[in-house]
N, C-alpha and C. Protein backbone atom coordinates (compact mmCIF):
# COMPACT_ATOMS: atom_id res chain seq x y z
N UNK A 1 -59.52 -7.05 -74.52
CA UNK A 1 -59.17 -8.25 -73.81
C UNK A 1 -58.88 -9.40 -74.76
N UNK A 2 -59.59 -9.43 -75.87
CA UNK A 2 -59.42 -10.55 -76.82
C UNK A 2 -58.07 -10.47 -77.51
N UNK A 3 -57.60 -11.62 -77.93
CA UNK A 3 -56.38 -11.68 -78.72
C UNK A 3 -55.09 -11.79 -77.93
N UNK A 4 -55.15 -11.64 -76.62
CA UNK A 4 -53.95 -11.73 -75.80
C UNK A 4 -54.05 -12.96 -74.92
N UNK A 5 -52.93 -13.65 -74.77
CA UNK A 5 -52.89 -14.79 -73.87
C UNK A 5 -52.49 -14.29 -72.50
N UNK A 6 -53.32 -14.61 -71.50
CA UNK A 6 -53.10 -14.17 -70.14
C UNK A 6 -52.96 -15.38 -69.21
N UNK A 7 -52.50 -15.11 -68.01
CA UNK A 7 -52.52 -16.13 -66.96
C UNK A 7 -53.97 -16.55 -66.76
N UNK A 8 -54.19 -17.85 -66.63
CA UNK A 8 -55.55 -18.38 -66.54
C UNK A 8 -56.32 -17.80 -65.36
N UNK A 9 -55.65 -17.47 -64.27
CA UNK A 9 -56.35 -17.00 -63.07
C UNK A 9 -57.09 -15.69 -63.29
N UNK A 10 -56.70 -14.92 -64.31
CA UNK A 10 -57.36 -13.62 -64.52
C UNK A 10 -58.79 -13.79 -64.99
N UNK A 11 -59.11 -14.93 -65.61
CA UNK A 11 -60.48 -15.22 -66.01
C UNK A 11 -61.06 -14.18 -66.95
N UNK A 12 -62.37 -13.98 -66.84
CA UNK A 12 -63.02 -13.02 -67.73
C UNK A 12 -63.68 -11.87 -66.97
N UNK A 13 -63.39 -11.77 -65.67
CA UNK A 13 -63.87 -10.66 -64.86
C UNK A 13 -63.06 -9.42 -65.25
N UNK A 14 -63.74 -8.36 -65.68
CA UNK A 14 -63.04 -7.17 -66.20
C UNK A 14 -62.06 -6.57 -65.19
N UNK A 15 -62.43 -6.52 -63.92
CA UNK A 15 -61.54 -5.95 -62.91
C UNK A 15 -60.31 -6.84 -62.71
N UNK A 16 -60.51 -8.15 -62.69
CA UNK A 16 -59.37 -9.07 -62.55
C UNK A 16 -58.44 -8.97 -63.76
N UNK A 17 -59.00 -8.86 -64.95
CA UNK A 17 -58.18 -8.74 -66.15
C UNK A 17 -57.37 -7.45 -66.11
N UNK A 18 -58.01 -6.34 -65.73
CA UNK A 18 -57.29 -5.07 -65.64
C UNK A 18 -56.18 -5.15 -64.59
N UNK A 19 -56.48 -5.76 -63.44
CA UNK A 19 -55.47 -5.94 -62.39
C UNK A 19 -54.30 -6.76 -62.93
N UNK A 20 -54.60 -7.85 -63.60
CA UNK A 20 -53.55 -8.70 -64.20
C UNK A 20 -52.72 -7.91 -65.19
N UNK A 21 -53.38 -7.17 -66.07
CA UNK A 21 -52.70 -6.48 -67.16
C UNK A 21 -51.91 -5.25 -66.71
N UNK A 22 -52.30 -4.63 -65.60
CA UNK A 22 -51.69 -3.36 -65.22
C UNK A 22 -50.89 -3.39 -63.92
N UNK A 23 -51.25 -4.28 -62.99
CA UNK A 23 -50.63 -4.23 -61.66
C UNK A 23 -49.85 -5.47 -61.28
N UNK A 24 -50.46 -6.64 -61.45
CA UNK A 24 -49.91 -7.86 -60.87
C UNK A 24 -48.52 -8.17 -61.43
N UNK A 25 -47.56 -8.29 -60.55
CA UNK A 25 -46.21 -8.65 -60.94
C UNK A 25 -45.30 -7.47 -61.24
N UNK A 26 -45.84 -6.26 -61.25
CA UNK A 26 -45.01 -5.08 -61.50
C UNK A 26 -44.23 -4.78 -60.22
N UNK A 27 -42.90 -4.70 -60.30
CA UNK A 27 -42.11 -4.44 -59.09
C UNK A 27 -42.53 -3.14 -58.40
N UNK A 28 -42.89 -3.27 -57.14
CA UNK A 28 -43.38 -2.16 -56.34
C UNK A 28 -42.35 -1.86 -55.26
N UNK A 29 -41.94 -0.60 -55.16
CA UNK A 29 -40.90 -0.22 -54.20
C UNK A 29 -41.33 0.86 -53.22
N UNK A 30 -42.58 1.27 -53.29
CA UNK A 30 -43.10 2.28 -52.37
C UNK A 30 -43.49 1.59 -51.07
N UNK A 31 -42.91 2.02 -49.97
CA UNK A 31 -43.14 1.36 -48.68
C UNK A 31 -44.62 1.31 -48.29
N UNK A 32 -45.31 2.43 -48.40
CA UNK A 32 -46.70 2.46 -47.99
C UNK A 32 -47.57 1.56 -48.86
N UNK A 33 -47.31 1.57 -50.16
CA UNK A 33 -48.07 0.70 -51.07
C UNK A 33 -47.76 -0.78 -50.82
N UNK A 34 -46.51 -1.08 -50.53
CA UNK A 34 -46.17 -2.46 -50.18
C UNK A 34 -46.90 -2.89 -48.92
N UNK A 35 -46.96 -2.01 -47.93
CA UNK A 35 -47.67 -2.31 -46.69
C UNK A 35 -49.16 -2.52 -46.97
N UNK A 36 -49.76 -1.65 -47.75
CA UNK A 36 -51.18 -1.78 -48.09
C UNK A 36 -51.45 -3.13 -48.77
N UNK A 37 -50.63 -3.49 -49.74
CA UNK A 37 -50.88 -4.75 -50.45
C UNK A 37 -50.67 -5.95 -49.53
N UNK A 38 -49.72 -5.85 -48.60
CA UNK A 38 -49.52 -6.93 -47.63
C UNK A 38 -50.77 -7.08 -46.75
N UNK A 39 -51.30 -5.97 -46.29
CA UNK A 39 -52.51 -6.00 -45.46
C UNK A 39 -53.67 -6.59 -46.25
N UNK A 40 -53.86 -6.15 -47.49
CA UNK A 40 -54.97 -6.67 -48.30
C UNK A 40 -54.79 -8.16 -48.56
N UNK A 41 -53.57 -8.60 -48.80
CA UNK A 41 -53.34 -10.03 -48.98
C UNK A 41 -53.66 -10.78 -47.69
N UNK A 42 -53.41 -10.18 -46.55
CA UNK A 42 -53.78 -10.80 -45.29
C UNK A 42 -55.29 -10.96 -45.16
N UNK A 43 -56.05 -9.98 -45.64
CA UNK A 43 -57.50 -10.09 -45.62
C UNK A 43 -57.97 -11.20 -46.56
N UNK A 44 -57.14 -11.54 -47.54
CA UNK A 44 -57.49 -12.60 -48.48
C UNK A 44 -57.49 -13.98 -47.83
N UNK A 45 -56.79 -14.16 -46.74
CA UNK A 45 -56.67 -15.48 -46.10
C UNK A 45 -58.04 -16.14 -45.99
N UNK A 46 -58.18 -17.30 -46.60
CA UNK A 46 -59.43 -18.04 -46.58
C UNK A 46 -60.43 -17.61 -47.64
N UNK A 47 -60.07 -16.61 -48.41
CA UNK A 47 -60.97 -16.07 -49.44
C UNK A 47 -60.24 -16.05 -50.78
N UNK A 48 -60.88 -15.50 -51.79
CA UNK A 48 -60.24 -15.36 -53.10
C UNK A 48 -59.74 -13.93 -53.28
N UNK A 49 -58.72 -13.78 -54.11
CA UNK A 49 -58.24 -12.43 -54.41
C UNK A 49 -59.32 -11.63 -55.12
N UNK A 50 -60.14 -12.29 -55.93
CA UNK A 50 -61.23 -11.59 -56.63
C UNK A 50 -62.12 -10.87 -55.62
N UNK A 51 -62.43 -11.54 -54.51
CA UNK A 51 -63.26 -10.93 -53.47
C UNK A 51 -62.61 -9.66 -52.93
N UNK A 52 -61.34 -9.75 -52.61
CA UNK A 52 -60.61 -8.60 -52.05
C UNK A 52 -60.49 -7.48 -53.08
N UNK A 53 -60.16 -7.84 -54.31
CA UNK A 53 -60.01 -6.82 -55.36
C UNK A 53 -61.31 -6.05 -55.56
N UNK A 54 -62.42 -6.75 -55.55
CA UNK A 54 -63.71 -6.07 -55.73
C UNK A 54 -64.09 -5.22 -54.53
N UNK A 55 -63.46 -5.43 -53.40
CA UNK A 55 -63.71 -4.63 -52.20
C UNK A 55 -62.58 -3.63 -51.93
N UNK A 56 -61.57 -3.61 -52.77
CA UNK A 56 -60.38 -2.81 -52.48
C UNK A 56 -60.68 -1.34 -52.25
N UNK A 57 -61.51 -0.73 -53.06
CA UNK A 57 -61.81 0.69 -52.87
C UNK A 57 -62.57 0.92 -51.56
N UNK A 58 -63.45 -0.01 -51.19
CA UNK A 58 -64.14 0.10 -49.91
C UNK A 58 -63.15 -0.05 -48.75
N UNK A 59 -62.18 -0.96 -48.90
CA UNK A 59 -61.13 -1.10 -47.90
C UNK A 59 -60.36 0.21 -47.77
N UNK A 60 -60.01 0.80 -48.90
CA UNK A 60 -59.24 2.05 -48.86
C UNK A 60 -60.01 3.15 -48.15
N UNK A 61 -61.30 3.23 -48.40
CA UNK A 61 -62.12 4.24 -47.72
C UNK A 61 -62.22 3.92 -46.23
N UNK A 62 -62.50 2.69 -45.89
CA UNK A 62 -62.68 2.29 -44.49
C UNK A 62 -61.41 2.47 -43.68
N UNK A 63 -60.25 2.22 -44.30
CA UNK A 63 -58.97 2.33 -43.61
C UNK A 63 -58.25 3.64 -43.94
N UNK A 64 -59.04 4.65 -44.28
CA UNK A 64 -58.53 6.02 -44.46
C UNK A 64 -57.32 6.08 -45.39
N UNK A 65 -57.47 5.46 -46.56
CA UNK A 65 -56.40 5.48 -47.55
C UNK A 65 -55.19 4.65 -47.15
N UNK A 66 -55.36 3.77 -46.20
CA UNK A 66 -54.26 2.96 -45.66
C UNK A 66 -53.08 3.84 -45.26
N UNK A 67 -53.41 4.93 -44.59
CA UNK A 67 -52.38 5.79 -44.02
C UNK A 67 -51.98 5.16 -42.67
N UNK A 68 -50.77 4.60 -42.58
CA UNK A 68 -50.39 3.92 -41.34
C UNK A 68 -50.50 4.80 -40.09
N UNK A 69 -50.24 6.10 -40.23
CA UNK A 69 -50.31 6.99 -39.07
C UNK A 69 -51.73 7.11 -38.54
N UNK A 70 -52.71 7.03 -39.42
CA UNK A 70 -54.11 7.09 -38.99
C UNK A 70 -54.55 5.71 -38.47
N UNK A 71 -54.26 4.67 -39.25
CA UNK A 71 -54.70 3.31 -38.88
C UNK A 71 -54.11 2.89 -37.53
N UNK A 72 -52.87 3.28 -37.26
CA UNK A 72 -52.22 2.89 -36.00
C UNK A 72 -52.96 3.44 -34.78
N UNK A 73 -53.74 4.50 -34.97
CA UNK A 73 -54.47 5.11 -33.86
C UNK A 73 -55.92 4.62 -33.77
N UNK A 74 -56.32 3.69 -34.62
CA UNK A 74 -57.68 3.17 -34.54
C UNK A 74 -57.91 2.56 -33.16
N UNK A 75 -59.11 2.79 -32.65
CA UNK A 75 -59.47 2.28 -31.33
C UNK A 75 -60.66 1.33 -31.44
N UNK A 76 -61.22 0.99 -30.29
CA UNK A 76 -62.35 0.04 -30.27
C UNK A 76 -63.53 0.54 -31.09
N UNK A 77 -63.78 1.85 -31.07
CA UNK A 77 -64.89 2.40 -31.85
C UNK A 77 -64.63 2.20 -33.35
N UNK A 78 -63.38 2.37 -33.76
CA UNK A 78 -63.04 2.14 -35.17
C UNK A 78 -63.20 0.67 -35.53
N UNK A 79 -62.80 -0.20 -34.63
CA UNK A 79 -62.94 -1.64 -34.88
C UNK A 79 -64.42 -1.98 -35.05
N UNK A 80 -65.27 -1.45 -34.19
CA UNK A 80 -66.71 -1.69 -34.32
C UNK A 80 -67.25 -1.12 -35.63
N UNK A 81 -66.78 0.06 -36.00
CA UNK A 81 -67.20 0.68 -37.27
C UNK A 81 -66.82 -0.22 -38.44
N UNK A 82 -65.61 -0.76 -38.40
CA UNK A 82 -65.14 -1.61 -39.49
C UNK A 82 -65.88 -2.95 -39.52
N UNK A 83 -66.14 -3.50 -38.37
CA UNK A 83 -66.89 -4.77 -38.32
C UNK A 83 -68.30 -4.60 -38.89
N UNK A 84 -68.84 -3.40 -38.78
CA UNK A 84 -70.19 -3.13 -39.29
C UNK A 84 -70.19 -2.72 -40.77
N UNK A 85 -69.02 -2.57 -41.38
CA UNK A 85 -68.93 -2.08 -42.76
C UNK A 85 -69.12 -3.24 -43.74
N UNK A 86 -70.23 -3.30 -44.46
CA UNK A 86 -70.47 -4.41 -45.39
C UNK A 86 -69.58 -4.36 -46.64
N UNK A 87 -68.87 -3.27 -46.83
CA UNK A 87 -68.02 -3.13 -48.01
C UNK A 87 -66.68 -3.85 -47.89
N UNK A 88 -66.33 -4.26 -46.67
CA UNK A 88 -65.03 -4.92 -46.46
C UNK A 88 -65.25 -6.31 -45.88
N UNK A 89 -64.16 -7.03 -45.69
CA UNK A 89 -64.20 -8.30 -44.98
C UNK A 89 -64.23 -7.95 -43.50
N UNK A 90 -65.27 -8.38 -42.83
CA UNK A 90 -65.52 -7.95 -41.45
C UNK A 90 -65.00 -8.97 -40.44
N UNK A 91 -63.70 -9.12 -40.43
CA UNK A 91 -63.04 -10.03 -39.50
C UNK A 91 -62.34 -9.20 -38.43
N UNK A 92 -62.77 -9.36 -37.19
CA UNK A 92 -62.16 -8.60 -36.10
C UNK A 92 -60.67 -8.91 -35.99
N UNK A 93 -60.30 -10.17 -36.17
CA UNK A 93 -58.89 -10.55 -36.07
C UNK A 93 -58.06 -9.88 -37.16
N UNK A 94 -58.57 -9.83 -38.37
CA UNK A 94 -57.82 -9.21 -39.47
C UNK A 94 -57.79 -7.69 -39.31
N UNK A 95 -58.85 -7.12 -38.80
CA UNK A 95 -58.87 -5.66 -38.55
C UNK A 95 -57.84 -5.31 -37.48
N UNK A 96 -57.82 -6.07 -36.39
CA UNK A 96 -56.82 -5.82 -35.34
C UNK A 96 -55.40 -6.04 -35.86
N UNK A 97 -55.23 -7.05 -36.70
CA UNK A 97 -53.90 -7.30 -37.28
C UNK A 97 -53.46 -6.13 -38.15
N UNK A 98 -54.39 -5.48 -38.82
CA UNK A 98 -54.06 -4.32 -39.65
C UNK A 98 -53.62 -3.15 -38.79
N UNK A 99 -54.30 -2.93 -37.68
CA UNK A 99 -53.91 -1.86 -36.76
C UNK A 99 -52.51 -2.13 -36.21
N UNK A 100 -52.27 -3.36 -35.80
CA UNK A 100 -50.94 -3.74 -35.31
C UNK A 100 -49.89 -3.57 -36.40
N UNK A 101 -50.23 -3.95 -37.62
CA UNK A 101 -49.28 -3.81 -38.74
C UNK A 101 -48.92 -2.35 -38.97
N UNK A 102 -49.90 -1.47 -38.81
CA UNK A 102 -49.62 -0.03 -38.96
C UNK A 102 -48.66 0.43 -37.86
N UNK A 103 -48.87 -0.04 -36.65
CA UNK A 103 -47.99 0.33 -35.54
C UNK A 103 -46.57 -0.19 -35.77
N UNK A 104 -46.46 -1.41 -36.27
CA UNK A 104 -45.13 -1.98 -36.57
C UNK A 104 -44.46 -1.17 -37.67
N UNK A 105 -45.21 -0.86 -38.71
CA UNK A 105 -44.69 -0.06 -39.83
C UNK A 105 -44.13 1.27 -39.32
N UNK A 106 -44.91 1.96 -38.48
CA UNK A 106 -44.47 3.25 -37.94
C UNK A 106 -43.27 3.11 -37.02
N UNK A 107 -43.24 2.03 -36.25
CA UNK A 107 -42.09 1.78 -35.38
C UNK A 107 -40.82 1.57 -36.21
N UNK A 108 -40.95 0.85 -37.30
CA UNK A 108 -39.80 0.65 -38.19
C UNK A 108 -39.32 1.99 -38.73
N UNK A 109 -40.27 2.82 -39.18
CA UNK A 109 -39.90 4.14 -39.70
C UNK A 109 -39.21 4.99 -38.64
N UNK A 110 -39.74 4.95 -37.42
CA UNK A 110 -39.17 5.75 -36.33
C UNK A 110 -37.73 5.33 -36.02
N UNK A 111 -37.43 4.06 -36.28
CA UNK A 111 -36.07 3.56 -36.05
C UNK A 111 -35.19 3.72 -37.29
N UNK A 112 -35.72 4.40 -38.32
CA UNK A 112 -34.96 4.64 -39.54
C UNK A 112 -34.95 3.48 -40.50
N UNK A 113 -35.86 2.55 -40.33
CA UNK A 113 -35.90 1.37 -41.18
C UNK A 113 -37.03 1.51 -42.20
N UNK A 114 -36.65 1.46 -43.45
CA UNK A 114 -37.61 1.59 -44.54
C UNK A 114 -38.27 0.23 -44.80
N UNK A 115 -39.61 0.19 -44.83
CA UNK A 115 -40.31 -1.08 -45.03
C UNK A 115 -39.95 -1.70 -46.37
N UNK A 116 -39.88 -0.88 -47.42
CA UNK A 116 -39.52 -1.41 -48.74
C UNK A 116 -38.11 -2.01 -48.70
N UNK A 117 -37.18 -1.31 -48.10
CA UNK A 117 -35.82 -1.83 -48.00
C UNK A 117 -35.78 -3.14 -47.22
N UNK A 118 -36.57 -3.22 -46.16
CA UNK A 118 -36.63 -4.43 -45.33
C UNK A 118 -37.12 -5.62 -46.15
N UNK A 119 -38.29 -5.48 -46.80
CA UNK A 119 -38.85 -6.64 -47.50
C UNK A 119 -38.09 -6.97 -48.79
N UNK A 120 -37.65 -5.95 -49.51
CA UNK A 120 -36.87 -6.25 -50.72
C UNK A 120 -35.52 -6.85 -50.36
N UNK A 121 -34.97 -6.45 -49.22
CA UNK A 121 -33.71 -7.05 -48.77
C UNK A 121 -33.87 -8.54 -48.50
N UNK A 122 -34.97 -8.91 -47.87
CA UNK A 122 -35.23 -10.33 -47.62
C UNK A 122 -35.43 -11.06 -48.94
N UNK A 123 -36.06 -10.38 -49.90
CA UNK A 123 -36.35 -11.00 -51.20
C UNK A 123 -35.12 -11.07 -52.10
N UNK A 124 -34.01 -10.53 -51.66
CA UNK A 124 -32.79 -10.59 -52.45
C UNK A 124 -32.48 -9.32 -53.21
N UNK A 125 -33.33 -8.30 -53.06
CA UNK A 125 -33.04 -6.99 -53.64
C UNK A 125 -33.54 -6.77 -55.05
N UNK A 126 -33.91 -7.82 -55.75
CA UNK A 126 -34.37 -7.68 -57.13
C UNK A 126 -35.36 -8.79 -57.45
N UNK A 127 -36.26 -8.54 -58.39
CA UNK A 127 -37.22 -9.58 -58.76
C UNK A 127 -36.53 -10.84 -59.27
N UNK A 128 -37.15 -11.97 -58.99
CA UNK A 128 -36.65 -13.23 -59.52
C UNK A 128 -37.67 -13.79 -60.50
N UNK A 129 -37.17 -14.52 -61.43
CA UNK A 129 -37.99 -15.15 -62.45
C UNK A 129 -38.57 -16.44 -61.89
N UNK A 130 -39.91 -16.55 -61.91
CA UNK A 130 -40.55 -17.79 -61.49
C UNK A 130 -40.18 -18.91 -62.47
N UNK A 131 -40.34 -20.12 -62.02
CA UNK A 131 -39.94 -21.24 -62.88
C UNK A 131 -41.09 -21.79 -63.72
N UNK A 132 -42.24 -21.12 -63.68
CA UNK A 132 -43.36 -21.55 -64.50
C UNK A 132 -44.26 -22.57 -63.83
N UNK A 133 -43.89 -23.04 -62.65
CA UNK A 133 -44.71 -24.00 -61.92
C UNK A 133 -45.59 -23.25 -60.91
N UNK A 134 -46.81 -23.68 -60.79
CA UNK A 134 -47.70 -23.07 -59.81
C UNK A 134 -47.46 -23.74 -58.47
N UNK A 135 -47.06 -22.94 -57.49
CA UNK A 135 -46.80 -23.45 -56.15
C UNK A 135 -47.50 -22.54 -55.14
N UNK A 136 -47.78 -23.10 -53.97
CA UNK A 136 -48.45 -22.32 -52.93
C UNK A 136 -47.48 -21.46 -52.14
N UNK A 137 -46.26 -21.96 -51.96
CA UNK A 137 -45.24 -21.22 -51.23
C UNK A 137 -43.88 -21.65 -51.74
N UNK A 138 -42.88 -20.90 -51.35
CA UNK A 138 -41.50 -21.17 -51.76
C UNK A 138 -40.59 -20.96 -50.56
N UNK A 139 -39.35 -21.41 -50.66
CA UNK A 139 -38.40 -21.09 -49.57
C UNK A 139 -38.29 -19.58 -49.34
N UNK A 140 -38.39 -18.79 -50.41
CA UNK A 140 -38.32 -17.33 -50.26
C UNK A 140 -39.52 -16.79 -49.50
N UNK A 141 -40.72 -17.31 -49.80
CA UNK A 141 -41.90 -16.83 -49.08
C UNK A 141 -41.89 -17.33 -47.63
N UNK A 142 -41.31 -18.48 -47.40
CA UNK A 142 -41.18 -18.98 -46.02
C UNK A 142 -40.24 -18.09 -45.22
N UNK A 143 -39.14 -17.67 -45.84
CA UNK A 143 -38.19 -16.78 -45.16
C UNK A 143 -38.82 -15.41 -44.90
N UNK A 144 -39.55 -14.90 -45.88
CA UNK A 144 -40.22 -13.61 -45.73
C UNK A 144 -41.28 -13.70 -44.62
N UNK A 145 -42.06 -14.77 -44.64
CA UNK A 145 -43.09 -14.97 -43.62
C UNK A 145 -42.47 -14.99 -42.23
N UNK A 146 -41.39 -15.71 -42.09
CA UNK A 146 -40.72 -15.82 -40.79
C UNK A 146 -40.23 -14.44 -40.32
N UNK A 147 -39.66 -13.67 -41.23
CA UNK A 147 -39.15 -12.34 -40.87
C UNK A 147 -40.29 -11.39 -40.48
N UNK A 148 -41.39 -11.45 -41.22
CA UNK A 148 -42.54 -10.60 -40.91
C UNK A 148 -43.17 -11.00 -39.58
N UNK A 149 -43.31 -12.30 -39.34
CA UNK A 149 -43.86 -12.77 -38.07
C UNK A 149 -42.97 -12.37 -36.90
N UNK A 150 -41.65 -12.39 -37.12
CA UNK A 150 -40.72 -12.00 -36.06
C UNK A 150 -40.92 -10.54 -35.66
N UNK A 151 -41.38 -9.73 -36.60
CA UNK A 151 -41.67 -8.32 -36.32
C UNK A 151 -43.02 -8.13 -35.65
N UNK A 152 -43.87 -9.15 -35.70
CA UNK A 152 -45.18 -9.06 -35.08
C UNK A 152 -46.35 -9.00 -36.05
N UNK A 153 -46.07 -9.06 -37.35
CA UNK A 153 -47.15 -9.05 -38.34
C UNK A 153 -47.95 -10.35 -38.22
N UNK A 154 -49.25 -10.26 -38.52
CA UNK A 154 -50.16 -11.41 -38.49
C UNK A 154 -50.74 -11.61 -39.89
N UNK A 155 -51.27 -12.78 -40.14
CA UNK A 155 -51.83 -13.14 -41.44
C UNK A 155 -50.77 -13.01 -42.52
N UNK A 156 -49.58 -13.49 -42.21
CA UNK A 156 -48.45 -13.44 -43.14
C UNK A 156 -47.79 -14.82 -43.24
N UNK A 157 -48.62 -15.85 -43.36
CA UNK A 157 -48.08 -17.18 -43.56
C UNK A 157 -47.42 -17.28 -44.92
N UNK A 158 -46.66 -18.32 -45.17
CA UNK A 158 -45.91 -18.45 -46.42
C UNK A 158 -46.76 -18.45 -47.69
N UNK A 159 -47.99 -18.95 -47.60
CA UNK A 159 -48.86 -18.95 -48.78
C UNK A 159 -49.33 -17.54 -49.10
N UNK A 160 -49.82 -16.82 -48.09
CA UNK A 160 -50.24 -15.43 -48.29
C UNK A 160 -49.05 -14.59 -48.75
N UNK A 161 -47.91 -14.78 -48.13
CA UNK A 161 -46.73 -14.00 -48.48
C UNK A 161 -46.28 -14.30 -49.91
N UNK A 162 -46.38 -15.55 -50.32
CA UNK A 162 -46.02 -15.87 -51.71
C UNK A 162 -46.93 -15.14 -52.69
N UNK A 163 -48.23 -15.14 -52.41
CA UNK A 163 -49.17 -14.41 -53.27
C UNK A 163 -48.83 -12.92 -53.30
N UNK A 164 -48.46 -12.38 -52.15
CA UNK A 164 -48.08 -10.97 -52.07
C UNK A 164 -46.79 -10.71 -52.86
N UNK A 165 -45.80 -11.58 -52.71
CA UNK A 165 -44.54 -11.41 -53.44
C UNK A 165 -44.76 -11.45 -54.95
N UNK A 166 -45.68 -12.28 -55.39
CA UNK A 166 -46.03 -12.31 -56.81
C UNK A 166 -46.69 -10.99 -57.21
N UNK A 167 -47.64 -10.54 -56.40
CA UNK A 167 -48.41 -9.34 -56.72
C UNK A 167 -47.53 -8.10 -56.82
N UNK A 168 -46.53 -7.98 -55.93
CA UNK A 168 -45.70 -6.78 -55.90
C UNK A 168 -44.41 -6.91 -56.70
N UNK A 169 -44.32 -7.98 -57.49
CA UNK A 169 -43.22 -8.11 -58.43
C UNK A 169 -41.90 -8.60 -57.87
N UNK A 170 -41.91 -9.17 -56.68
CA UNK A 170 -40.68 -9.77 -56.17
C UNK A 170 -40.38 -11.06 -56.92
N UNK A 171 -41.45 -11.63 -57.46
CA UNK A 171 -41.35 -12.84 -58.28
C UNK A 171 -42.18 -12.61 -59.53
N UNK A 172 -41.61 -12.87 -60.69
CA UNK A 172 -42.39 -12.80 -61.94
C UNK A 172 -42.95 -14.18 -62.20
N UNK A 173 -44.19 -14.38 -61.78
CA UNK A 173 -44.84 -15.67 -61.97
C UNK A 173 -45.93 -15.63 -63.03
N UNK A 174 -45.86 -14.64 -63.93
CA UNK A 174 -46.76 -14.69 -65.07
C UNK A 174 -46.40 -15.95 -65.86
N UNK A 175 -47.42 -16.63 -66.36
CA UNK A 175 -47.18 -17.83 -67.18
C UNK A 175 -46.29 -17.45 -68.35
N UNK A 176 -45.43 -18.36 -68.76
CA UNK A 176 -44.49 -18.08 -69.86
C UNK A 176 -45.21 -17.63 -71.12
N UNK A 177 -46.41 -18.19 -71.37
CA UNK A 177 -47.14 -17.83 -72.58
C UNK A 177 -47.96 -16.55 -72.42
N UNK A 178 -48.05 -16.02 -71.20
CA UNK A 178 -48.80 -14.79 -70.94
C UNK A 178 -48.06 -13.59 -71.54
N UNK A 179 -48.80 -12.70 -72.18
CA UNK A 179 -48.16 -11.53 -72.80
C UNK A 179 -47.46 -10.65 -71.77
N UNK A 180 -47.89 -10.70 -70.51
CA UNK A 180 -47.27 -9.85 -69.49
C UNK A 180 -45.94 -10.41 -68.98
N UNK A 181 -45.67 -11.68 -69.21
CA UNK A 181 -44.42 -12.26 -68.69
C UNK A 181 -43.20 -11.47 -69.18
N UNK A 182 -43.11 -11.30 -70.46
CA UNK A 182 -41.96 -10.58 -71.03
C UNK A 182 -41.99 -9.10 -70.65
N UNK A 183 -43.19 -8.51 -70.61
CA UNK A 183 -43.29 -7.09 -70.25
C UNK A 183 -42.81 -6.85 -68.83
N UNK A 184 -43.23 -7.71 -67.90
CA UNK A 184 -42.80 -7.56 -66.51
C UNK A 184 -41.31 -7.85 -66.37
N UNK A 185 -40.82 -8.85 -67.08
CA UNK A 185 -39.39 -9.14 -67.04
C UNK A 185 -38.59 -7.92 -67.50
N UNK A 186 -39.08 -7.21 -68.50
CA UNK A 186 -38.38 -6.02 -69.00
C UNK A 186 -38.35 -4.89 -67.98
N UNK A 187 -39.28 -4.89 -67.04
CA UNK A 187 -39.31 -3.85 -66.00
C UNK A 187 -38.20 -4.02 -64.98
N UNK A 188 -37.63 -5.21 -64.92
CA UNK A 188 -36.59 -5.47 -63.94
C UNK A 188 -35.25 -5.22 -64.55
């Protein structure tokens, strides 16, 4: 960890540093993984990403590997099971939003619409270079939020969506002095 300049948000938490160094900002094009990260970012609403990251494996177990076909069939008993799970964020509203998101995802697939194609299309089809300023949302995240809400997704406000777009590499917002900035730019 020493000797490299990183984005300040990664701090000194080993898991956050590894996430920063290996995942954050890398362009992601797998539909299911994009859906999973969108759902996890929705659970972040009102919390820190560090909290969600430290619970990510518990979330994956609780939500059956974030398999949309399984999650879409969750019922009241599953909701109660999840609300009782201390390993995850136990918000009934966010749990129900995840089930709905799985149903929307599957509906899109059934209509021949690829989730990755949908969101990357809204994002312009390719990663964009951030301008180095820290912002909570952008016109792009506002447009993405509006499109997701129109489909019925919840917990997808422009701030959450901007964080998600950064995480999945739609925007390279690594600080200019961060060693990952150039590496992520080279991936595009």
